[in-house]
Amino acid sequence: AAPTVSPDGRWIAYEETLTDWEKDAFVAQV
């Protein structure tokens, strides 16, 4: 989710949600 282009167009930051069974959570990371 949330693809975010850097002002200079070089990079795209985005959120990827991963499944953490141990913590019983869906966790979004950069």
PDB file of all heavy atoms in Angstrom:
ATOM      1  N   ALA A   1       0.840  -1.195   0.000  1.00  0.00           N
ATOM      2  CA  ALA A   1       0.000   0.000   0.000  1.00  0.00           C
ATOM      3  C   ALA A   1       0.875   1.246   0.000  1.00  0.00           C
ATOM      4  O   ALA A   1       2.090   1.182   0.210  1.00  0.00           O
ATOM      5  CB  ALA A   1      -0.914   0.006   1.231  1.00  0.00           C
ATOM      6  N   ALA A   2       0.243   2.387  -0.226  1.00  0.00           N
ATOM      7  CA  ALA A   2       0.857   3.710  -0.087  1.00  0.00           C
ATOM      8  C   ALA A   2       2.160   3.886  -0.846  1.00  0.00           C
ATOM      9  O   ALA A   2       3.165   4.322  -0.270  1.00  0.00           O
ATOM     10  CB  ALA A   2       1.065   4.038   1.401  1.00  0.00           C
ATOM     11  N   PRO A   3       2.211   3.598  -2.157  1.00  0.00           N
ATOM     12  CA  PRO A   3       3.439   3.877  -2.908  1.00  0.00           C
ATOM     13  C   PRO A   3       3.692   5.381  -2.925  1.00  0.00           C
ATOM     14  O   PRO A   3       2.841   6.163  -3.348  1.00  0.00           O
ATOM     15  CB  PRO A   3       3.127   3.338  -4.305  1.00  0.00           C
ATOM     16  CG  PRO A   3       1.646   3.428  -4.410  1.00  0.00           C
ATOM     17  CD  PRO A   3       1.125   3.144  -3.033  1.00  0.00           C
ATOM     18  N   THR A   4       4.854   5.798  -2.479  1.00  0.00           N
ATOM     19  CA  THR A   4       5.150   7.211  -2.268  1.00  0.00           C
ATOM     20  C   THR A   4       6.450   7.555  -2.990  1.00  0.00           C
ATOM     21  O   THR A   4       7.529   7.166  -2.560  1.00  0.00           O
ATOM     22  CB  THR A   4       5.257   7.509  -0.760  1.00  0.00           C
ATOM     23  OG1 THR A   4       4.092   7.010  -0.089  1.00  0.00           O
ATOM     24  CG2 THR A   4       5.386   8.997  -0.502  1.00  0.00           C
ATOM     25  N   VAL A   5       6.324   8.308  -4.083  1.00  0.00           N
ATOM     26  CA  VAL A   5       7.474   8.613  -4.931  1.00  0.00           C
ATOM     27  C   VAL A   5       8.288   9.739  -4.308  1.00  0.00           C
ATOM     28  O   VAL A   5       7.733  10.740  -3.836  1.00  0.00           O
ATOM     29  CB  VAL A   5       7.019   9.019  -6.345  1.00  0.00           C
ATOM     30  CG1 VAL A   5       8.223   9.256  -7.259  1.00  0.00           C
ATOM     31  CG2 VAL A   5       6.119   7.947  -6.938  1.00  0.00           C
ATOM     32  N   SER A   6       9.611   9.583  -4.307  1.00  0.00           N
ATOM     33  CA  SER A   6      10.469  10.665  -3.819  1.00  0.00           C
ATOM     34  C   SER A   6      10.339  11.872  -4.747  1.00  0.00           C
ATOM     35  O   SER A   6      10.037  11.726  -5.940  1.00  0.00           O
ATOM     36  CB  SER A   6      11.922  10.203  -3.747  1.00  0.00           C
ATOM     37  OG  SER A   6      12.404   9.837  -5.033  1.00  0.00           O
ATOM     38  N   PRO A   7      10.542  13.073  -4.236  1.00  0.00           N
ATOM     39  CA  PRO A   7      10.407  14.268  -5.081  1.00  0.00           C
ATOM     40  C   PRO A   7      11.248  14.222  -6.349  1.00  0.00           C
ATOM     41  O   PRO A   7      10.825  14.712  -7.396  1.00  0.00           O
ATOM     42  CB  PRO A   7      10.839  15.396  -4.150  1.00  0.00           C
ATOM     43  CG  PRO A   7      10.474  14.908  -2.787  1.00  0.00           C
ATOM     44  CD  PRO A   7      10.749  13.439  -2.820  1.00  0.00           C
ATOM     45  N   ASP A   8      12.442  13.608  -6.289  1.00  0.00           N
ATOM     46  CA  ASP A   8      13.297  13.545  -7.470  1.00  0.00           C
ATOM     47  C   ASP A   8      12.986  12.355  -8.372  1.00  0.00           C
ATOM     48  O   ASP A   8      13.627  12.168  -9.414  1.00  0.00           O
ATOM     49  CB  ASP A   8      14.779  13.530  -7.077  1.00  0.00           C
ATOM     50  CG  ASP A   8      15.166  12.296  -6.259  1.00  0.00           C
ATOM     51  OD1 ASP A   8      14.314  11.388  -6.075  1.00  0.00           O
ATOM     52  OD2 ASP A   8      16.322  12.235  -5.794  1.00  0.00           O
ATOM     53  N   GLY A   9      12.016  11.508  -7.989  1.00  0.00           N
ATOM     54  CA  GLY A   9      11.618  10.371  -8.797  1.00  0.00           C
ATOM     55  C   GLY A   9      12.532   9.173  -8.712  1.00  0.00           C
ATOM     56  O   GLY A   9      12.287   8.158  -9.374  1.00  0.00           O
ATOM     57  N   ARG A  10      13.576   9.222  -7.906  1.00  0.00           N
ATOM     58  CA  ARG A  10      14.563   8.144  -7.828  1.00  0.00           C
ATOM     59  C   ARG A  10      14.035   6.924  -7.076  1.00  0.00           C
ATOM     60  O   ARG A  10      14.371   5.779  -7.394  1.00  0.00           O
ATOM     61  CB  ARG A  10      15.837   8.677  -7.157  1.00  0.00           C
ATOM     62  CG  ARG A  10      16.828   7.623  -6.686  1.00  0.00           C
ATOM     63  CD  ARG A  10      17.602   6.978  -7.813  1.00  0.00           C
ATOM     64  NE  ARG A  10      18.450   5.881  -7.341  1.00  0.00           N
ATOM     65  CZ  ARG A  10      19.640   6.036  -6.768  1.00  0.00           C
ATOM     66  NH1 ARG A  10      20.135   7.270  -6.592  1.00  0.00           N
ATOM     67  NH2 ARG A  10      20.345   4.989  -6.396  1.00  0.00           N
ATOM     68  N   TRP A  11      13.212   7.145  -6.064  1.00  0.00           N
ATOM     69  CA  TRP A  11      12.794   6.079  -5.169  1.00  0.00           C
ATOM     70  C   TRP A  11      11.264   6.011  -5.085  1.00  0.00           C
ATOM     71  O   TRP A  11      10.580   7.011  -5.289  1.00  0.00           O
ATOM     72  CB  TRP A  11      13.319   6.301  -3.752  1.00  0.00           C
ATOM     73  CG  TRP A  11      14.779   6.588  -3.612  1.00  0.00           C
ATOM     74  CD1 TRP A  11      15.385   7.807  -3.651  1.00  0.00           C
ATOM     75  CD2 TRP A  11      15.826   5.631  -3.405  1.00  0.00           C
ATOM     76  NE1 TRP A  11      16.738   7.698  -3.476  1.00  0.00           N
ATOM     77  CE2 TRP A  11      17.045   6.350  -3.324  1.00  0.00           C
ATOM     78  CE3 TRP A  11      15.866   4.242  -3.280  1.00  0.00           C
ATOM     79  CZ2 TRP A  11      18.265   5.730  -3.104  1.00  0.00           C
ATOM     80  CZ3 TRP A  11      17.079   3.621  -3.062  1.00  0.00           C
ATOM     81  CH2 TRP A  11      18.257   4.362  -2.981  1.00  0.00           C
ATOM     82  N   ILE A  12      10.770   4.833  -4.712  1.00  0.00           N
ATOM     83  CA  ILE A  12       9.375   4.688  -4.298  1.00  0.00           C
ATOM     84  C   ILE A  12       9.379   3.975  -2.951  1.00  0.00           C
ATOM     85  O   ILE A  12       9.798   2.810  -2.847  1.00  0.00           O
ATOM     86  CB  ILE A  12       8.530   3.891  -5.302  1.00  0.00           C
ATOM     87  CG1 ILE A  12       8.481   4.614  -6.653  1.00  0.00           C
ATOM     88  CG2 ILE A  12       7.108   3.711  -4.765  1.00  0.00           C
ATOM     89  CD1 ILE A  12       7.676   3.874  -7.706  1.00  0.00           C
ATOM     90  N   ALA A  13       8.974   4.690  -1.911  1.00  0.00           N
ATOM     91  CA  ALA A  13       8.759   4.058  -0.616  1.00  0.00           C
ATOM     92  C   ALA A  13       7.335   3.518  -0.591  1.00  0.00           C
ATOM     93  O   ALA A  13       6.430   4.105  -1.185  1.00  0.00           O
ATOM     94  CB  ALA A  13       8.973   5.067   0.512  1.00  0.00           C
ATOM     95  N   TYR A  14       7.137   2.404   0.078  1.00  0.00           N
ATOM     96  CA  TYR A  14       5.787   1.847   0.176  1.00  0.00           C
ATOM     97  C   TYR A  14       5.666   1.018   1.447  1.00  0.00           C
ATOM     98  O   TYR A  14       6.671   0.657   2.075  1.00  0.00           O
ATOM     99  CB  TYR A  14       5.428   1.011  -1.056  1.00  0.00           C
ATOM    100  CG  TYR A  14       6.288  -0.210  -1.289  1.00  0.00           C
ATOM    101  CD1 TYR A  14       5.895  -1.466  -0.813  1.00  0.00           C
ATOM    102  CD2 TYR A  14       7.486  -0.135  -1.994  1.00  0.00           C
ATOM    103  CE1 TYR A  14       6.667  -2.594  -1.027  1.00  0.00           C
ATOM    104  CE2 TYR A  14       8.273  -1.250  -2.213  1.00  0.00           C
ATOM    105  CZ  TYR A  14       7.853  -2.491  -1.726  1.00  0.00           C
ATOM    106  OH  TYR A  14       8.625  -3.595  -1.934  1.00  0.00           O
ATOM    107  N   GLU A  15       4.450   0.755   1.842  1.00  0.00           N
ATOM    108  CA  GLU A  15       4.176  -0.081   3.002  1.00  0.00           C
ATOM    109  C   GLU A  15       3.903  -1.505   2.543  1.00  0.00           C
ATOM    110  O   GLU A  15       3.125  -1.717   1.613  1.00  0.00           O
ATOM    111  CB  GLU A  15       2.961   0.441   3.773  1.00  0.00           C
ATOM    112  CG  GLU A  15       3.113   1.847   4.317  1.00  0.00           C
ATOM    113  CD  GLU A  15       1.837   2.345   4.969  1.00  0.00           C
ATOM    114  OE1 GLU A  15       0.931   1.511   5.204  1.00  0.00           O
ATOM    115  OE2 GLU A  15       1.719   3.553   5.219  1.00  0.00           O
ATOM    116  N   GLU A  16       4.550  -2.451   3.183  1.00  0.00           N
ATOM    117  CA  GLU A  16       4.208  -3.863   2.958  1.00  0.00           C
ATOM    118  C   GLU A  16       3.805  -4.463   4.295  1.00  0.00           C
ATOM    119  O   GLU A  16       4.546  -4.374   5.282  1.00  0.00           O
ATOM    120  CB  GLU A  16       5.360  -4.640   2.344  1.00  0.00           C
ATOM    121  CG  GLU A  16       4.994  -6.096   2.084  1.00  0.00           C
ATOM    122  CD  GLU A  16       5.870  -6.789   1.067  1.00  0.00           C
ATOM    123  OE1 GLU A  16       6.770  -6.138   0.500  1.00  0.00           O
ATOM    124  OE2 GLU A  16       5.656  -8.000   0.830  1.00  0.00           O
ATOM    125  N   THR A  17       2.605  -5.058   4.315  1.00  0.00           N
ATOM    126  CA  THR A  17       2.098  -5.662   5.537  1.00  0.00           C
ATOM    127  C   THR A  17       2.465  -7.137   5.568  1.00  0.00           C
ATOM    128  O   THR A  17       2.188  -7.884   4.621  1.00  0.00           O
ATOM    129  CB  THR A  17       0.576  -5.493   5.635  1.00  0.00           C
ATOM    130  OG1 THR A  17       0.280  -4.091   5.706  1.00  0.00           O
ATOM    131  CG2 THR A  17       0.033  -6.162   6.884  1.00  0.00           C
ATOM    132  N   LEU A  18       3.110  -7.548   6.663  1.00  0.00           N
ATOM    133  CA  LEU A  18       3.590  -8.905   6.836  1.00  0.00           C
ATOM    134  C   LEU A  18       2.823  -9.577   7.971  1.00  0.00           C
ATOM    135  O   LEU A  18       2.299  -8.915   8.874  1.00  0.00           O
ATOM    136  CB  LEU A  18       5.089  -8.896   7.149  1.00  0.00           C
ATOM    137  CG  LEU A  18       5.963  -8.083   6.178  1.00  0.00           C
ATOM    138  CD1 LEU A  18       7.387  -7.994   6.705  1.00  0.00           C
ATOM    139  CD2 LEU A  18       5.928  -8.680   4.782  1.00  0.00           C
ATOM    140  N   THR A  19       2.748 -10.895   7.930  1.00  0.00           N
ATOM    141  CA  THR A  19       2.024 -11.657   8.942  1.00  0.00           C
ATOM    142  C   THR A  19       2.999 -12.157   9.999  1.00  0.00           C
ATOM    143  O   THR A  19       3.948 -12.881   9.692  1.00  0.00           O
ATOM    144  CB  THR A  19       1.289 -12.842   8.301  1.00  0.00           C
ATOM    145  OG1 THR A  19       0.399 -12.358   7.296  1.00  0.00           O
ATOM    146  CG2 THR A  19       0.498 -13.617   9.346  1.00  0.00           C
ATOM    147  N   ASP A  20       2.771 -11.757  11.248  1.00  0.00           N
ATOM    148  CA  ASP A  20       3.608 -12.174  12.375  1.00  0.00           C
ATOM    149  C   ASP A  20       2.764 -13.089  13.267  1.00  0.00           C
ATOM    150  O   ASP A  20       1.962 -12.625  14.086  1.00  0.00           O
ATOM    151  CB  ASP A  20       4.092 -10.947  13.154  1.00  0.00           C
ATOM    152  CG  ASP A  20       5.112 -11.288  14.234  1.00  0.00           C
ATOM    153  OD1 ASP A  20       5.041 -12.399  14.786  1.00  0.00           O
ATOM    154  OD2 ASP A  20       5.968 -10.429  14.531  1.00  0.00           O
ATOM    155  N   TRP A  21       2.930 -14.412  13.085  1.00  0.00           N
ATOM    156  CA  TRP A  21       2.128 -15.355  13.862  1.00  0.00           C
ATOM    157  C   TRP A  21       2.488 -15.300  15.348  1.00  0.00           C
ATOM    158  O   TRP A  21       1.614 -15.434  16.207  1.00  0.00           O
ATOM    159  CB  TRP A  21       2.337 -16.775  13.335  1.00  0.00           C
ATOM    160  CG  TRP A  21       1.716 -17.041  11.994  1.00  0.00           C
ATOM    161  CD1 TRP A  21       2.364 -17.194  10.805  1.00  0.00           C
ATOM    162  CD2 TRP A  21       0.326 -17.202  11.713  1.00  0.00           C
ATOM    163  NE1 TRP A  21       1.458 -17.430   9.795  1.00  0.00           N
ATOM    164  CE2 TRP A  21       0.207 -17.441  10.325  1.00  0.00           C
ATOM    165  CE3 TRP A  21      -0.825 -17.165  12.487  1.00  0.00           C
ATOM    166  CZ2 TRP A  21      -1.025 -17.651   9.704  1.00  0.00           C
ATOM    167  CZ3 TRP A  21      -2.058 -17.371  11.874  1.00  0.00           C
ATOM    168  CH2 TRP A  21      -2.152 -17.612  10.503  1.00  0.00           C
ATOM    169  N   GLU A  22       3.765 -15.114  15.658  1.00  0.00           N
ATOM    170  CA  GLU A  22       4.190 -15.110  17.059  1.00  0.00           C
ATOM    171  C   GLU A  22       3.532 -13.981  17.836  1.00  0.00           C
ATOM    172  O   GLU A  22       3.076 -14.169  18.973  1.00  0.00           O
ATOM    173  CB  GLU A  22       5.713 -14.995  17.134  1.00  0.00           C
ATOM    174  CG  GLU A  22       6.260 -15.078  18.554  1.00  0.00           C
ATOM    175  CD  GLU A  22       7.777 -15.034  18.598  1.00  0.00           C
ATOM    176  OE1 GLU A  22       8.421 -15.204  17.537  1.00  0.00           O
ATOM    177  OE2 GLU A  22       8.316 -14.826  19.703  1.00  0.00           O
ATOM    178  N   LYS A  23       3.471 -12.790  17.224  1.00  0.00           N
ATOM    179  CA  LYS A  23       2.840 -11.651  17.884  1.00  0.00           C
ATOM    180  C   LYS A  23       1.358 -11.536  17.546  1.00  0.00           C
ATOM    181  O   LYS A  23       0.680 -10.632  18.045  1.00  0.00           O
ATOM    182  CB  LYS A  23       3.563 -10.370  17.489  1.00  0.00           C
ATOM    183  CG  LYS A  23       5.011 -10.317  17.980  1.00  0.00           C
ATOM    184  CD  LYS A  23       5.682  -9.015  17.566  1.00  0.00           C
ATOM    185  CE  LYS A  23       7.109  -8.956  18.084  1.00  0.00           C
ATOM    186  NZ  LYS A  23       7.806  -7.710  17.642  1.00  0.00           N
ATOM    187  N   ASP A  24       0.872 -12.446  16.690  1.00  0.00           N
ATOM    188  CA  ASP A  24      -0.519 -12.429  16.237  1.00  0.00           C
ATOM    189  C   ASP A  24      -0.894 -11.045  15.719  1.00  0.00           C
ATOM    190  O   ASP A  24      -1.801 -10.380  16.226  1.00  0.00           O
ATOM    191  CB  ASP A  24      -1.475 -12.835  17.360  1.00  0.00           C
ATOM    192  CG  ASP A  24      -2.890 -13.106  16.851  1.00  0.00           C
ATOM    193  OD1 ASP A  24      -3.050 -13.336  15.633  1.00  0.00           O
ATOM    194  OD2 ASP A  24      -3.828 -13.057  17.673  1.00  0.00           O
ATOM    195  N   ALA A  25      -0.171 -10.603  14.690  1.00  0.00           N
ATOM    196  CA  ALA A  25      -0.377  -9.251  14.170  1.00  0.00           C
ATOM    197  C   ALA A  25      -0.054  -9.200  12.682  1.00  0.00           C
ATOM    198  O   ALA A  25       0.820  -9.925  12.190  1.00  0.00           O
ATOM    199  CB  ALA A  25       0.505  -8.251  14.915  1.00  0.00           C
ATOM    200  N   PHE A  26      -0.783  -8.342  11.989  1.00  0.00           N
ATOM    201  CA  PHE A  26      -0.415  -7.929  10.648  1.00  0.00           C
ATOM    202  C   PHE A  26       0.358  -6.618  10.814  1.00  0.00           C
ATOM    203  O   PHE A  26      -0.185  -5.635  11.321  1.00  0.00           O
ATOM    204  CB  PHE A  26      -1.648  -7.698   9.776  1.00  0.00           C
ATOM    205  CG  PHE A  26      -2.448  -8.944   9.515  1.00  0.00           C
ATOM    206  CD1 PHE A  26      -3.733  -9.083  10.021  1.00  0.00           C
ATOM    207  CD2 PHE A  26      -1.919  -9.985   8.763  1.00  0.00           C
ATOM    208  CE1 PHE A  26      -4.477 -10.226   9.780  1.00  0.00           C
ATOM    209  CE2 PHE A  26      -2.653 -11.138   8.516  1.00  0.00           C
ATOM    210  CZ  PHE A  26      -3.936 -11.263   9.032  1.00  0.00           C
ATOM    211  N   VAL A  27       1.619  -6.602  10.417  1.00  0.00           N
ATOM    212  CA  VAL A  27       2.490  -5.469  10.712  1.00  0.00           C
ATOM    213  C   VAL A  27       2.975  -4.839   9.409  1.00  0.00           C
ATOM    214  O   VAL A  27       3.603  -5.501   8.573  1.00  0.00           O
ATOM    215  CB  VAL A  27       3.699  -5.908  11.556  1.00  0.00           C
ATOM    216  CG1 VAL A  27       4.556  -4.699  11.928  1.00  0.00           C
ATOM    217  CG2 VAL A  27       3.231  -6.632  12.825  1.00  0.00           C
ATOM    218  N   ALA A  28       2.696  -3.545   9.236  1.00  0.00           N
ATOM    219  CA  ALA A  28       3.171  -2.807   8.065  1.00  0.00           C
ATOM    220  C   ALA A  28       4.587  -2.304   8.318  1.00  0.00           C
ATOM    221  O   ALA A  28       4.882  -1.776   9.397  1.00  0.00           O
ATOM    222  CB  ALA A  28       2.244  -1.633   7.758  1.00  0.00           C
ATOM    223  N   GLN A  29       5.456  -2.453   7.330  1.00  0.00           N
ATOM    224  CA  GLN A  29       6.831  -1.990   7.415  1.00  0.00           C
ATOM    225  C   GLN A  29       7.161  -1.127   6.197  1.00  0.00           C
ATOM    226  O   GLN A  29       6.475  -1.179   5.175  1.00  0.00           O
ATOM    227  CB  GLN A  29       7.800  -3.163   7.486  1.00  0.00           C
ATOM    228  CG  GLN A  29       7.595  -4.075   8.677  1.00  0.00           C
ATOM    229  CD  GLN A  29       7.908  -3.424  10.011  1.00  0.00           C
ATOM    230  OE1 GLN A  29       8.421  -2.307  10.065  1.00  0.00           O
ATOM    231  NE2 GLN A  29       7.605  -4.108  11.106  1.00  0.00           N
ATOM    232  N   VAL A  30       8.221  -0.319   6.324  1.00  0.00           N
ATOM    233  CA  VAL A  30       8.668   0.534   5.228  1.00  0.00           C
ATOM    234  C   VAL A  30       9.576  -0.258   4.304  1.00  0.00           C
ATOM    235  O   VAL A  30      10.578  -0.838   4.738  1.00  0.00           O
ATOM    236  CB  VAL A  30       9.426   1.774   5.750  1.00  0.00           C
ATOM    237  CG1 VAL A  30       9.881   2.643   4.563  1.00  0.00           C
ATOM    238  CG2 VAL A  30       8.567   2.586   6.704  1.00  0.00           C
TER     239      VAL A  30
END
